[in-house]
PDB file of N, CA and C in Angstrom:
ATOM      1  N   MET A   1      -3.775 -27.037  15.486  1.00  0.00           N
ATOM      2  CA  MET A   1      -3.125 -25.816  15.871  1.00  0.00           C
ATOM      3  C   MET A   1      -2.604 -25.884  17.286  1.00  0.00           C
ATOM      4  N   SER A   2      -3.343 -26.519  18.149  1.00  0.00           N
ATOM      5  CA  SER A   2      -2.941 -26.588  19.537  1.00  0.00           C
ATOM      6  C   SER A   2      -3.706 -27.728  20.183  1.00  0.00           C
ATOM      7  N   LEU A   3      -3.378 -28.012  21.420  1.00  0.00           N
ATOM      8  CA  LEU A   3      -4.086 -29.049  22.144  1.00  0.00           C
ATOM      9  C   LEU A   3      -5.423 -28.547  22.679  1.00  0.00           C
ATOM     10  N   PHE A   4      -5.653 -27.241  22.587  1.00  0.00           N
ATOM     11  CA  PHE A   4      -6.892 -26.654  23.074  1.00  0.00           C
ATOM     12  C   PHE A   4      -8.021 -26.898  22.087  1.00  0.00           C
ATOM     13  N   LYS A   5      -9.233 -26.943  22.596  1.00  0.00           N
ATOM     14  CA  LYS A   5     -10.410 -27.145  21.770  1.00  0.00           C
ATOM     15  C   LYS A   5     -10.627 -25.933  20.863  1.00  0.00           C
ATOM     16  N   SER A   6     -11.005 -26.179  19.608  1.00  0.00           N
ATOM     17  CA  SER A   6     -11.279 -25.095  18.670  1.00  0.00           C
ATOM     18  C   SER A   6     -12.572 -24.382  19.034  1.00  0.00           C
ATOM     19  N   ALA A   7     -12.600 -23.094  18.745  1.00  0.00           N
ATOM     20  CA  ALA A   7     -13.777 -22.265  18.995  1.00  0.00           C
ATOM     21  C   ALA A   7     -14.228 -21.658  17.670  1.00  0.00           C
ATOM     22  N   ALA A   8     -15.512 -21.389  17.564  1.00  0.00           N
ATOM     23  CA  ALA A   8     -16.054 -20.696  16.392  1.00  0.00           C
ATOM     24  C   ALA A   8     -15.797 -19.208  16.575  1.00  0.00           C
ATOM     25  N   LEU A   9     -15.021 -18.622  15.675  1.00  0.00           N
ATOM     26  CA  LEU A   9     -14.624 -17.221  15.764  1.00  0.00           C
ATOM     27  C   LEU A   9     -14.949 -16.517  14.453  1.00  0.00           C
ATOM     28  N   THR A  10     -15.009 -15.209  14.501  1.00  0.00           N
ATOM     29  CA  THR A  10     -15.243 -14.407  13.299  1.00  0.00           C
ATOM     30  C   THR A  10     -14.183 -13.334  13.207  1.00  0.00           C
ATOM     31  N   LYS A  11     -13.537 -13.253  12.047  1.00  0.00           N
ATOM     32  CA  LYS A  11     -12.556 -12.192  11.766  1.00  0.00           C
ATOM     33  C   LYS A  11     -13.316 -11.034  11.127  1.00  0.00           C
ATOM     34  N   ILE A  12     -13.112  -9.848  11.672  1.00  0.00           N
ATOM     35  CA  ILE A  12     -13.755  -8.652  11.133  1.00  0.00           C
ATOM     36  C   ILE A  12     -12.658  -7.710  10.654  1.00  0.00           C
ATOM     37  N   SER A  13     -12.666  -7.432   9.358  1.00  0.00           N
ATOM     38  CA  SER A  13     -11.686  -6.518   8.761  1.00  0.00           C
ATOM     39  C   SER A  13     -12.428  -5.301   8.237  1.00  0.00           C
ATOM     40  N   PHE A  14     -11.683  -4.234   8.033  1.00  0.00           N
ATOM     41  CA  PHE A  14     -12.269  -2.993   7.542  1.00  0.00           C
ATOM     42  C   PHE A  14     -11.565  -2.551   6.274  1.00  0.00           C
ATOM     43  N   ALA A  15     -12.338  -2.085   5.298  1.00  0.00           N
ATOM     44  CA  ALA A  15     -11.759  -1.462   4.109  1.00  0.00           C
ATOM     45  C   ALA A  15     -11.090  -0.171   4.560  1.00  0.00           C
ATOM     46  N   PRO A  16     -10.188   0.373   3.761  1.00  0.00           N
ATOM     47  CA  PRO A  16      -9.551   1.626   4.168  1.00  0.00           C
ATOM     48  C   PRO A  16     -10.591   2.696   4.509  1.00  0.00           C
ATOM     49  N   GLY A  17     -10.349   3.396   5.591  1.00  0.00           N
ATOM     50  CA  GLY A  17     -11.262   4.441   6.034  1.00  0.00           C
ATOM     51  C   GLY A  17     -10.926   5.779   5.399  1.00  0.00           C
ATOM     52  N   GLU A  18     -11.686   6.804   5.825  1.00  0.00           N
ATOM     53  CA  GLU A  18     -11.463   8.144   5.305  1.00  0.00           C
ATOM     54  C   GLU A  18     -11.984   9.170   6.303  1.00  0.00           C
ATOM     55  N   TYR A  19     -11.534  10.398   6.141  1.00  0.00           N
ATOM     56  CA  TYR A  19     -12.040  11.479   6.968  1.00  0.00           C
ATOM     57  C   TYR A  19     -13.315  12.014   6.332  1.00  0.00           C
ATOM     58  N   VAL A  20     -14.373  12.095   7.123  1.00  0.00           N
ATOM     59  CA  VAL A  20     -15.640  12.669   6.675  1.00  0.00           C
ATOM     60  C   VAL A  20     -15.945  13.841   7.599  1.00  0.00           C
ATOM     61  N   LYS A  21     -15.942  15.048   7.022  1.00  0.00           N
ATOM     62  CA  LYS A  21     -16.167  16.278   7.795  1.00  0.00           C
ATOM     63  C   LYS A  21     -15.225  16.370   8.995  1.00  0.00           C
ATOM     64  N   GLY A  22     -13.959  15.993   8.767  1.00  0.00           N
ATOM     65  CA  GLY A  22     -12.944  16.105   9.800  1.00  0.00           C
ATOM     66  C   GLY A  22     -12.911  14.974  10.807  1.00  0.00           C
ATOM     67  N   ARG A  23     -13.756  13.980  10.640  1.00  0.00           N
ATOM     68  CA  ARG A  23     -13.801  12.856  11.584  1.00  0.00           C
ATOM     69  C   ARG A  23     -13.492  11.550  10.849  1.00  0.00           C
ATOM     70  N   TRP A  24     -12.617  10.741  11.468  1.00  0.00           N
ATOM     71  CA  TRP A  24     -12.230   9.480  10.848  1.00  0.00           C
ATOM     72  C   TRP A  24     -13.397   8.496  10.864  1.00  0.00           C
ATOM     73  N   THR A  25     -13.641   7.875   9.710  1.00  0.00           N
ATOM     74  CA  THR A  25     -14.695   6.877   9.582  1.00  0.00           C
ATOM     75  C   THR A  25     -14.079   5.607   9.013  1.00  0.00           C
ATOM     76  N   GLU A  26     -14.274   4.486   9.717  1.00  0.00           N
ATOM     77  CA  GLU A  26     -13.758   3.202   9.227  1.00  0.00           C
ATOM     78  C   GLU A  26     -14.480   2.823   7.941  1.00  0.00           C
ATOM     79  N   GLY A  27     -13.802   2.038   7.134  1.00  0.00           N
ATOM     80  CA  GLY A  27     -14.405   1.555   5.897  1.00  0.00           C
ATOM     81  C   GLY A  27     -15.378   0.415   6.162  1.00  0.00           C
ATOM     82  N   GLU A  28     -15.905  -0.132   5.100  1.00  0.00           N
ATOM     83  CA  GLU A  28     -16.876  -1.229   5.160  1.00  0.00           C
ATOM     84  C   GLU A  28     -16.299  -2.443   5.888  1.00  0.00           C
ATOM     85  N   GLU A  29     -17.155  -3.103   6.648  1.00  0.00           N
ATOM     86  CA  GLU A  29     -16.776  -4.296   7.415  1.00  0.00           C
ATOM     87  C   GLU A  29     -16.862  -5.542   6.542  1.00  0.00           C
ATOM     88  N   THR A  30     -15.870  -6.432   6.682  1.00  0.00           N
ATOM     89  CA  THR A  30     -15.894  -7.742   6.034  1.00  0.00           C
ATOM     90  C   THR A  30     -15.766  -8.783   7.139  1.00  0.00           C
ATOM     91  N   ARG A  31     -16.637  -9.787   7.122  1.00  0.00           N
ATOM     92  CA  ARG A  31     -16.648 -10.816   8.166  1.00  0.00           C
ATOM     93  C   ARG A  31     -16.317 -12.175   7.556  1.00  0.00           C
ATOM     94  N   VAL A  32     -15.409 -12.914   8.229  1.00  0.00           N
ATOM     95  CA  VAL A  32     -15.031 -14.264   7.805  1.00  0.00           C
ATOM     96  C   VAL A  32     -15.054 -15.160   9.032  1.00  0.00           C
ATOM     97  N   GLU A  33     -15.830 -16.224   8.972  1.00  0.00           N
ATOM     98  CA  GLU A  33     -15.879 -17.173  10.090  1.00  0.00           C
ATOM     99  C   GLU A  33     -14.744 -18.181   9.956  1.00  0.00           C
ATOM    100  N   PHE A  34     -14.175 -18.570  11.110  1.00  0.00           N
ATOM    101  CA  PHE A  34     -13.097 -19.553  11.112  1.00  0.00           C
ATOM    102  C   PHE A  34     -13.071 -20.274  12.457  1.00  0.00           C
ATOM    103  N   ALA A  35     -12.366 -21.379  12.492  1.00  0.00           N
ATOM    104  CA  ALA A  35     -12.164 -22.121  13.746  1.00  0.00           C
ATOM    105  C   ALA A  35     -10.737 -21.857  14.215  1.00  0.00           C
ATOM    106  N   GLY A  36     -10.603 -21.500  15.476  1.00  0.00           N
ATOM    107  CA  GLY A  36      -9.291 -21.231  16.046  1.00  0.00           C
ATOM    108  C   GLY A  36      -9.307 -21.555  17.524  1.00  0.00           C
ATOM    109  N   THR A  37      -8.163 -21.452  18.155  1.00  0.00           N
ATOM    110  CA  THR A  37      -8.112 -21.688  19.599  1.00  0.00           C
ATOM    111  C   THR A  37      -8.020 -20.355  20.310  1.00  0.00           C
ATOM    112  N   TRP A  38      -8.503 -20.326  21.541  1.00  0.00           N
ATOM    113  CA  TRP A  38      -8.637 -19.092  22.308  1.00  0.00           C
ATOM    114  C   TRP A  38      -8.257 -19.375  23.747  1.00  0.00           C
ATOM    115  N   GLN A  39      -7.373 -18.576  24.307  1.00  0.00           N
ATOM    116  CA  GLN A  39      -6.950 -18.775  25.692  1.00  0.00           C
ATOM    117  C   GLN A  39      -6.473 -17.457  26.281  1.00  0.00           C
ATOM    118  N   PRO A  40      -6.475 -17.341  27.601  1.00  0.00           N
ATOM    119  CA  PRO A  40      -5.955 -16.112  28.222  1.00  0.00           C
ATOM    120  C   PRO A  40      -4.471 -15.941  27.886  1.00  0.00           C
ATOM    121  N   ALA A  41      -4.053 -14.695  27.718  1.00  0.00           N
ATOM    122  CA  ALA A  41      -2.637 -14.415  27.464  1.00  0.00           C
ATOM    123  C   ALA A  41      -1.847 -14.694  28.737  1.00  0.00           C
ATOM    124  N   ASN A  42      -0.624 -15.183  28.573  1.00  0.00           N
ATOM    125  CA  ASN A  42       0.230 -15.447  29.734  1.00  0.00           C
ATOM    126  C   ASN A  42       1.198 -14.278  29.951  1.00  0.00           C
ATOM    127  N   GLY A  43       2.039 -14.386  30.942  1.00  0.00           N
ATOM    128  CA  GLY A  43       2.977 -13.322  31.285  1.00  0.00           C
ATOM    129  C   GLY A  43       3.916 -12.958  30.145  1.00  0.00           C
ATOM    130  N   GLN A  44       4.395 -13.955  29.408  1.00  0.00           N
ATOM    131  CA  GLN A  44       5.287 -13.676  28.276  1.00  0.00           C
ATOM    132  C   GLN A  44       4.553 -12.890  27.193  1.00  0.00           C
ATOM    133  N   ASP A  45       3.290 -13.240  26.956  1.00  0.00           N
ATOM    134  CA  ASP A  45       2.495 -12.507  25.969  1.00  0.00           C
ATOM    135  C   ASP A  45       2.339 -11.048  26.389  1.00  0.00           C
ATOM    136  N   MET A  46       2.079 -10.828  27.670  1.00  0.00           N
ATOM    137  CA  MET A  46       1.869  -9.473  28.181  1.00  0.00           C
ATOM    138  C   MET A  46       3.135  -8.626  28.037  1.00  0.00           C
ATOM    139  N   GLN A  47       4.311  -9.238  28.185  1.00  0.00           N
ATOM    140  CA  GLN A  47       5.569  -8.508  28.063  1.00  0.00           C
ATOM    141  C   GLN A  47       5.782  -7.985  26.643  1.00  0.00           C
ATOM    142  N   LYS A  48       5.158  -8.603  25.653  1.00  0.00           N
ATOM    143  CA  LYS A  48       5.284  -8.171  24.258  1.00  0.00           C
ATOM    144  C   LYS A  48       4.508  -6.884  23.990  1.00  0.00           C
ATOM    145  N   LEU A  49       3.567  -6.558  24.878  1.00  0.00           N
ATOM    146  CA  LEU A  49       2.697  -5.399  24.685  1.00  0.00           C
ATOM    147  C   LEU A  49       3.309  -4.137  25.277  1.00  0.00           C
ATOM    148  N   PRO A  50       2.991  -2.970  24.694  1.00  0.00           N
ATOM    149  CA  PRO A  50       3.443  -1.717  25.297  1.00  0.00           C
ATOM    150  C   PRO A  50       2.847  -1.554  26.689  1.00  0.00           C
ATOM    151  N   GLU A  51       3.507  -0.799  27.529  1.00  0.00           N
ATOM    152  CA  GLU A  51       3.112  -0.625  28.933  1.00  0.00           C
ATOM    153  C   GLU A  51       1.634  -0.286  29.107  1.00  0.00           C
ATOM    154  N   GLY A  52       1.104   0.634  28.355  1.00  0.00           N
ATOM    155  CA  GLY A  52      -0.286   1.054  28.514  1.00  0.00           C
ATOM    156  C   GLY A  52      -1.301   0.072  27.978  1.00  0.00           C
ATOM    157  N   LYS A  53      -0.861  -0.984  27.306  1.00  0.00           N
ATOM    158  CA  LYS A  53      -1.772  -1.946  26.684  1.00  0.00           C
ATOM    159  C   LYS A  53      -1.898  -3.249  27.472  1.00  0.00           C
ATOM    160  N   ARG A  54      -1.238  -3.354  28.617  1.00  0.00           N
ATOM    161  CA  ARG A  54      -1.293  -4.591  29.396  1.00  0.00           C
ATOM    162  C   ARG A  54      -2.574  -4.608  30.218  1.00  0.00           C
ATOM    163  N   SER A  55      -3.389  -5.628  30.002  1.00  0.00           N
ATOM    164  CA  SER A  55      -4.715  -5.675  30.613  1.00  0.00           C
ATOM    165  C   SER A  55      -5.109  -7.119  30.889  1.00  0.00           C
ATOM    166  N   ASN A  56      -5.981  -7.316  31.874  1.00  0.00           N
ATOM    167  CA  ASN A  56      -6.447  -8.674  32.151  1.00  0.00           C
ATOM    168  C   ASN A  56      -7.505  -9.126  31.142  1.00  0.00           C
ATOM    169  N   GLU A  57      -7.840  -8.268  30.193  1.00  0.00           N
ATOM    170  CA  GLU A  57      -8.768  -8.639  29.131  1.00  0.00           C
ATOM    171  C   GLU A  57      -8.000  -8.908  27.835  1.00  0.00           C
ATOM    172  N   THR A  58      -6.828  -9.517  27.979  1.00  0.00           N
ATOM    173  CA  THR A  58      -5.960  -9.836  26.853  1.00  0.00           C
ATOM    174  C   THR A  58      -5.970 -11.343  26.641  1.00  0.00           C
ATOM    175  N   PHE A  59      -6.110 -11.732  25.381  1.00  0.00           N
ATOM    176  CA  PHE A  59      -6.208 -13.148  25.036  1.00  0.00           C
ATOM    177  C   PHE A  59      -5.285 -13.472  23.880  1.00  0.00           C
ATOM    178  N   LYS A  60      -4.977 -14.759  23.752  1.00  0.00           N
ATOM    179  CA  LYS A  60      -4.176 -15.254  22.640  1.00  0.00           C
ATOM    180  C   LYS A  60      -5.082 -16.115  21.770  1.00  0.00           C
ATOM    181  N   CYS A  61      -4.952 -15.921  20.473  1.00  0.00           N
ATOM    182  CA  CYS A  61      -5.741 -16.694  19.510  1.00  0.00           C
ATOM    183  C   CYS A  61      -4.785 -17.313  18.500  1.00  0.00           C
ATOM    184  N   PHE A  62      -5.008 -18.563  18.175  1.00  0.00           N
ATOM    185  CA  PHE A  62      -4.269 -19.226  17.102  1.00  0.00           C
ATOM    186  C   PHE A  62      -5.245 -19.424  15.957  1.00  0.00           C
ATOM    187  N   ALA A  63      -4.889 -18.899  14.770  1.00  0.00           N
ATOM    188  CA  ALA A  63      -5.797 -18.884  13.628  1.00  0.00           C
ATOM    189  C   ALA A  63      -5.115 -19.507  12.403  1.00  0.00           C
ATOM    190  N   PRO A  64      -5.906 -19.956  11.424  1.00  0.00           N
ATOM    191  CA  PRO A  64      -5.339 -20.556  10.210  1.00  0.00           C
ATOM    192  C   PRO A  64      -4.459 -19.571   9.442  1.00  0.00           C
ATOM    193  N   ILE A  65      -3.367 -20.076   8.907  1.00  0.00           N
ATOM    194  CA  ILE A  65      -2.411 -19.242   8.170  1.00  0.00           C
ATOM    195  C   ILE A  65      -3.024 -18.722   6.866  1.00  0.00           C
ATOM    196  N   GLU A  66      -4.070 -19.368   6.370  1.00  0.00           N
ATOM    197  CA  GLU A  66      -4.693 -18.963   5.109  1.00  0.00           C
ATOM    198  C   GLU A  66      -5.339 -17.578   5.204  1.00  0.00           C
ATOM    199  N   LEU A  67      -5.688 -17.163   6.397  1.00  0.00           N
ATOM    200  CA  LEU A  67      -6.264 -15.832   6.593  1.00  0.00           C
ATOM    201  C   LEU A  67      -5.147 -14.805   6.715  1.00  0.00           C
ATOM    202  N   GLU A  68      -5.462 -13.545   6.513  1.00  0.00           N
ATOM    203  CA  GLU A  68      -4.495 -12.466   6.675  1.00  0.00           C
ATOM    204  C   GLU A  68      -5.006 -11.555   7.783  1.00  0.00           C
ATOM    205  N   PHE A  69      -4.143 -11.200   8.744  1.00  0.00           N
ATOM    206  CA  PHE A  69      -4.541 -10.367   9.872  1.00  0.00           C
ATOM    207  C   PHE A  69      -3.710  -9.094   9.916  1.00  0.00           C
ATOM    208  N   THR A  70      -4.354  -8.003  10.315  1.00  0.00           N
ATOM    209  CA  THR A  70      -3.698  -6.711  10.494  1.00  0.00           C
ATOM    210  C   THR A  70      -3.770  -6.352  11.966  1.00  0.00           C
ATOM    211  N   ALA A  71      -2.634  -5.999  12.536  1.00  0.00           N
ATOM    212  CA  ALA A  71      -2.576  -5.597  13.945  1.00  0.00           C
ATOM    213  C   ALA A  71      -2.710  -4.083  14.053  1.00  0.00           C
ATOM    214  N   ALA A  72      -3.161  -3.631  15.207  1.00  0.00           N
ATOM    215  CA  ALA A  72      -3.285  -2.202  15.474  1.00  0.00           C
ATOM    216  C   ALA A  72      -1.905  -1.555  15.462  1.00  0.00           C
ATOM    217  N   ASP A  73      -1.831  -0.327  14.961  1.00  0.00           N
ATOM    218  CA  ASP A  73      -0.587   0.439  14.967  1.00  0.00           C
ATOM    219  C   ASP A  73      -0.942   1.900  15.228  1.00  0.00           C
ATOM    220  N   ALA A  74      -0.820   2.313  16.482  1.00  0.00           N
ATOM    221  CA  ALA A  74      -1.213   3.669  16.877  1.00  0.00           C
ATOM    222  C   ALA A  74      -0.386   4.731  16.170  1.00  0.00           C
ATOM    223  N   GLU A  75       0.902   4.466  15.951  1.00  0.00           N
ATOM    224  CA  GLU A  75       1.770   5.451  15.296  1.00  0.00           C
ATOM    225  C   GLU A  75       1.326   5.739  13.869  1.00  0.00           C
ATOM    226  N   LYS A  76       0.830   4.703  13.180  1.00  0.00           N
ATOM    227  CA  LYS A  76       0.358   4.869  11.800  1.00  0.00           C
ATOM    228  C   LYS A  76      -1.131   5.174  11.741  1.00  0.00           C
ATOM    229  N   GLY A  77      -1.788   5.148  12.883  1.00  0.00           N
ATOM    230  CA  GLY A  77      -3.227   5.407  12.918  1.00  0.00           C
ATOM    231  C   GLY A  77      -4.051   4.278  12.327  1.00  0.00           C
ATOM    232  N   VAL A  78      -3.521   3.056  12.421  1.00  0.00           N
ATOM    233  CA  VAL A  78      -4.206   1.894  11.861  1.00  0.00           C
ATOM    234  C   VAL A  78      -4.867   1.109  12.984  1.00  0.00           C
ATOM    235  N   SER A  79      -6.158   0.851  12.835  1.00  0.00           N
ATOM    236  CA  SER A  79      -6.818  -0.011  13.815  1.00  0.00           C
ATOM    237  C   SER A  79      -6.673  -1.448  13.336  1.00  0.00           C
ATOM    238  N   GLY A  80      -6.564  -2.358  14.276  1.00  0.00           N
ATOM    239  CA  GLY A  80      -6.391  -3.756  13.929  1.00  0.00           C
ATOM    240  C   GLY A  80      -7.694  -4.416  13.540  1.00  0.00           C
ATOM    241  N   ASP A  81      -7.571  -5.597  12.940  1.00  0.00           N
ATOM    242  CA  ASP A  81      -8.749  -6.413  12.692  1.00  0.00           C
ATOM    243  C   ASP A  81      -9.387  -6.727  14.029  1.00  0.00           C
ATOM    244  N   ARG A  82     -10.598  -7.199  14.002  1.00  0.00           N
ATOM    245  CA  ARG A  82     -11.295  -7.612  15.213  1.00  0.00           C
ATOM    246  C   ARG A  82     -11.587  -9.101  15.131  1.00  0.00           C
ATOM    247  N   ILE A  83     -11.611  -9.734  16.282  1.00  0.00           N
ATOM    248  CA  ILE A  83     -12.050 -11.120  16.404  1.00  0.00           C
ATOM    249  C   ILE A  83     -13.309 -11.078  17.253  1.00  0.00           C
ATOM    250  N   GLU A  84     -14.345 -11.717  16.779  1.00  0.00           N
ATOM    251  CA  GLU A  84     -15.582 -11.786  17.551  1.00  0.00           C
ATOM    252  C   GLU A  84     -15.726 -13.189  18.110  1.00  0.00           C
ATOM    253  N   LYS A  85     -15.954 -13.261  19.427  1.00  0.00           N
ATOM    254  CA  LYS A  85     -16.133 -14.534  20.119  1.00  0.00           C
ATOM    255  C   LYS A  85     -17.276 -14.375  21.108  1.00  0.00           C
ATOM    256  N   ASP A  86     -18.270 -15.216  20.983  1.00  0.00           N
ATOM    257  CA  ASP A  86     -19.424 -15.198  21.897  1.00  0.00           C
ATOM    258  C   ASP A  86     -20.041 -13.808  22.027  1.00  0.00           C
ATOM    259  N   GLY A  87     -20.148 -13.090  20.907  1.00  0.00           N
ATOM    260  CA  GLY A  87     -20.788 -11.780  20.908  1.00  0.00           C
ATOM    261  C   GLY A  87     -19.909 -10.632  21.372  1.00  0.00           C
ATOM    262  N   GLU A  88     -18.697 -10.904  21.812  1.00  0.00           N
ATOM    263  CA  GLU A  88     -17.753  -9.863  22.251  1.00  0.00           C
ATOM    264  C   GLU A  88     -16.721  -9.631  21.151  1.00  0.00           C
ATOM    265  N   ARG A  89     -16.290  -8.383  21.012  1.00  0.00           N
ATOM    266  CA  ARG A  89     -15.265  -8.049  20.018  1.00  0.00           C
ATOM    267  C   ARG A  89     -13.932  -7.778  20.695  1.00  0.00           C
ATOM    268  N   TYR A  90     -12.874  -8.254  20.041  1.00  0.00           N
ATOM    269  CA  TYR A  90     -11.508  -8.094  20.530  1.00  0.00           C
ATOM    270  C   TYR A  90     -10.663  -7.538  19.395  1.00  0.00           C
ATOM    271  N   GLU A  91      -9.858  -6.500  19.682  1.00  0.00           N
ATOM    272  CA  GLU A  91      -8.979  -5.933  18.669  1.00  0.00           C
ATOM    273  C   GLU A  91      -7.666  -6.703  18.626  1.00  0.00           C
ATOM    274  N   VAL A  92      -7.172  -6.970  17.421  1.00  0.00           N
ATOM    275  CA  VAL A  92      -5.876  -7.634  17.243  1.00  0.00           C
ATOM    276  C   VAL A  92      -4.786  -6.595  17.510  1.00  0.00           C
ATOM    277  N   ILE A  93      -4.029  -6.813  18.582  1.00  0.00           N
ATOM    278  CA  ILE A  93      -2.955  -5.897  18.976  1.00  0.00           C
ATOM    279  C   ILE A  93      -1.625  -6.322  18.357  1.00  0.00           C
ATOM    280  N   LEU A  94      -1.349  -7.615  18.348  1.00  0.00           N
ATOM    281  CA  LEU A  94      -0.142  -8.174  17.719  1.00  0.00           C
ATOM    282  C   LEU A  94      -0.553  -9.350  16.846  1.00  0.00           C
ATOM    283  N   ALA A  95       0.062  -9.459  15.676  1.00  0.00           N
ATOM    284  CA  ALA A  95      -0.218 -10.569  14.762  1.00  0.00           C
ATOM    285  C   ALA A  95       1.101 -11.100  14.217  1.00  0.00           C
ATOM    286  N   SER A  96       1.380 -12.368  14.497  1.00  0.00           N
ATOM    287  CA  SER A  96       2.633 -12.982  14.056  1.00  0.00           C
ATOM    288  C   SER A  96       2.341 -14.267  13.288  1.00  0.00           C
ATOM    289  N   PRO A  97       2.751 -14.332  12.011  1.00  0.00           N
ATOM    290  CA  PRO A  97       2.572 -15.592  11.280  1.00  0.00           C
ATOM    291  C   PRO A  97       3.674 -16.576  11.672  1.00  0.00           C
ATOM    292  N   TRP A  98       3.291 -17.826  11.869  1.00  0.00           N
ATOM    293  CA  TRP A  98       4.241 -18.901  12.165  1.00  0.00           C
ATOM    294  C   TRP A  98       4.124 -19.916  11.045  1.00  0.00           C
ATOM    295  N   ASN A  99       5.175 -20.013  10.229  1.00  0.00           N
ATOM    296  CA  ASN A  99       5.158 -20.935   9.103  1.00  0.00           C
ATOM    297  C   ASN A  99       6.402 -21.803   9.171  1.00  0.00           C
ATOM    298  N   ASN A 100       6.404 -22.683  10.177  1.00  0.00           N
ATOM    299  CA  ASN A 100       7.581 -23.518  10.411  1.00  0.00           C
ATOM    300  C   ASN A 100       7.564 -24.823   9.625  1.00  0.00           C
ATOM    301  N   GLY A 101       6.567 -25.011   8.763  1.00  0.00           N
ATOM    302  CA  GLY A 101       6.497 -26.218   7.960  1.00  0.00           C
ATOM    303  C   GLY A 101       5.712 -27.329   8.618  1.00  0.00           C
ATOM    304  N   LEU A 102       5.595 -27.338   9.943  1.00  0.00           N
ATOM    305  CA  LEU A 102       4.864 -28.388  10.633  1.00  0.00           C
ATOM    306  C   LEU A 102       3.390 -28.044  10.795  1.00  0.00           C
ATOM    307  N   LEU A 103       3.127 -26.894  11.365  1.00  0.00           N
ATOM    308  CA  LEU A 103       1.758 -26.471  11.618  1.00  0.00           C
ATOM    309  C   LEU A 103       1.662 -24.946  11.470  1.00  0.00           C
ATOM    310  N   PRO A 104       1.631 -24.465  10.216  1.00  0.00           N
ATOM    311  CA  PRO A 104       1.585 -23.019  10.018  1.00  0.00           C
ATOM    312  C   PRO A 104       0.299 -22.425  10.594  1.00  0.00           C
ATOM    313  N   HIS A 105       0.436 -21.263  11.244  1.00  0.00           N
ATOM    314  CA  HIS A 105      -0.717 -20.607  11.861  1.00  0.00           C
ATOM    315  C   HIS A 105      -0.362 -19.163  12.194  1.00  0.00           C
ATOM    316  N   TRP A 106      -1.368 -18.396  12.584  1.00  0.00           N
ATOM    317  CA  TRP A 106      -1.194 -17.049  13.100  1.00  0.00           C
ATOM    318  C   TRP A 106      -1.264 -17.103  14.613  1.00  0.00           C
ATOM    319  N   GLU A 107      -0.400 -16.378  15.272  1.00  0.00           N
ATOM    320  CA  GLU A 107      -0.504 -16.178  16.715  1.00  0.00           C
ATOM    321  C   GLU A 107      -0.922 -14.725  16.912  1.00  0.00           C
ATOM    322  N   LEU A 108      -2.095 -14.529  17.495  1.00  0.00           N
ATOM    323  CA  LEU A 108      -2.674 -13.201  17.659  1.00  0.00           C
ATOM    324  C   LEU A 108      -2.811 -12.866  19.132  1.00  0.00           C
ATOM    325  N   ILE A 109      -2.470 -11.653  19.504  1.00  0.00           N
ATOM    326  CA  ILE A 109      -2.734 -11.153  20.851  1.00  0.00           C
ATOM    327  C   ILE A 109      -3.871 -10.137  20.685  1.00  0.00           C
ATOM    328  N   CYS A 110      -4.963 -10.381  21.398  1.00  0.00           N
ATOM    329  CA  CYS A 110      -6.182  -9.576  21.235  1.00  0.00           C
ATOM    330  C   CYS A 110      -6.638  -9.024  22.573  1.00  0.00           C
ATOM    331  N   GLN A 111      -7.284  -7.851  22.509  1.00  0.00           N
ATOM    332  CA  GLN A 111      -7.845  -7.255  23.731  1.00  0.00           C
ATOM    333  C   GLN A 111      -9.298  -6.882  23.491  1.00  0.00           C
ATOM    334  N   ARG A 112     -10.095  -7.094  24.539  1.00  0.00           N
ATOM    335  CA  ARG A 112     -11.521  -6.762  24.453  1.00  0.00           C
ATOM    336  C   ARG A 112     -11.687  -5.282  24.158  1.00  0.00           C
ATOM    337  N   GLU A 113     -12.598  -4.982  23.240  1.00  0.00           N
ATOM    338  CA  GLU A 113     -12.912  -3.586  22.948  1.00  0.00           C
ATOM    339  C   GLU A 113     -13.602  -2.945  24.146  1.00  0.00           C
ATOM    340  N   LYS A 114     -13.233  -1.733  24.409  1.00  0.00           N
ATOM    341  CA  LYS A 114     -13.875  -0.997  25.495  1.00  0.00           C
ATOM    342  C   LYS A 114     -15.209  -0.432  25.017  1.00  0.00           C
ATOM    343  N   GLU A 115     -16.094  -0.167  25.938  1.00  0.00           N
ATOM    344  CA  GLU A 115     -17.402   0.403  25.619  1.00  0.00           C
ATOM    345  C   GLU A 115     -17.228   1.693  24.819  1.00  0.00           C
ATOM    346  N   GLY A 116     -17.968   1.829  23.745  1.00  0.00           N
ATOM    347  CA  GLY A 116     -17.897   3.035  22.931  1.00  0.00           C
ATOM    348  C   GLY A 116     -16.931   2.937  21.773  1.00  0.00           C
ATOM    349  N   GLU A 117     -16.053   1.930  21.751  1.00  0.00           N
ATOM    350  CA  GLU A 117     -15.175   1.743  20.608  1.00  0.00           C
ATOM    351  C   GLU A 117     -15.942   0.974  19.542  1.00  0.00           C
ATOM    352  N   ARG A 118     -15.488   1.082  18.339  1.00  0.00           N
ATOM    353  CA  ARG A 118     -16.147   0.383  17.241  1.00  0.00           C
ATOM    354  C   ARG A 118     -16.014  -1.062  17.375  1.00  0.00           C
TER     355      ARG A 118
END
């Protein structure tokens, strides 16, 4: 996937959620372990993010194309998948599949979850 060393990562997805007594509740968690590369996001990556989402806790992950990733979408009220690395959770903010025939993969932009978020 890249010249960077692979890391042991976990993809966390959620089944569709629902409102319970007027409060949104995420669906059941599904966990899939995979090997991917992990590095700090660069300036070009940060420019892809909306103004309020630019943070020094933003990372880029390259993941196998065989997996399917969902990115966060505030307008639709969709939370993104999570990537867990070394006990920390990161929300997938942008997810782009790259299938150029040479080395198909996902390019993910992720941000560390803030305290109190799921």
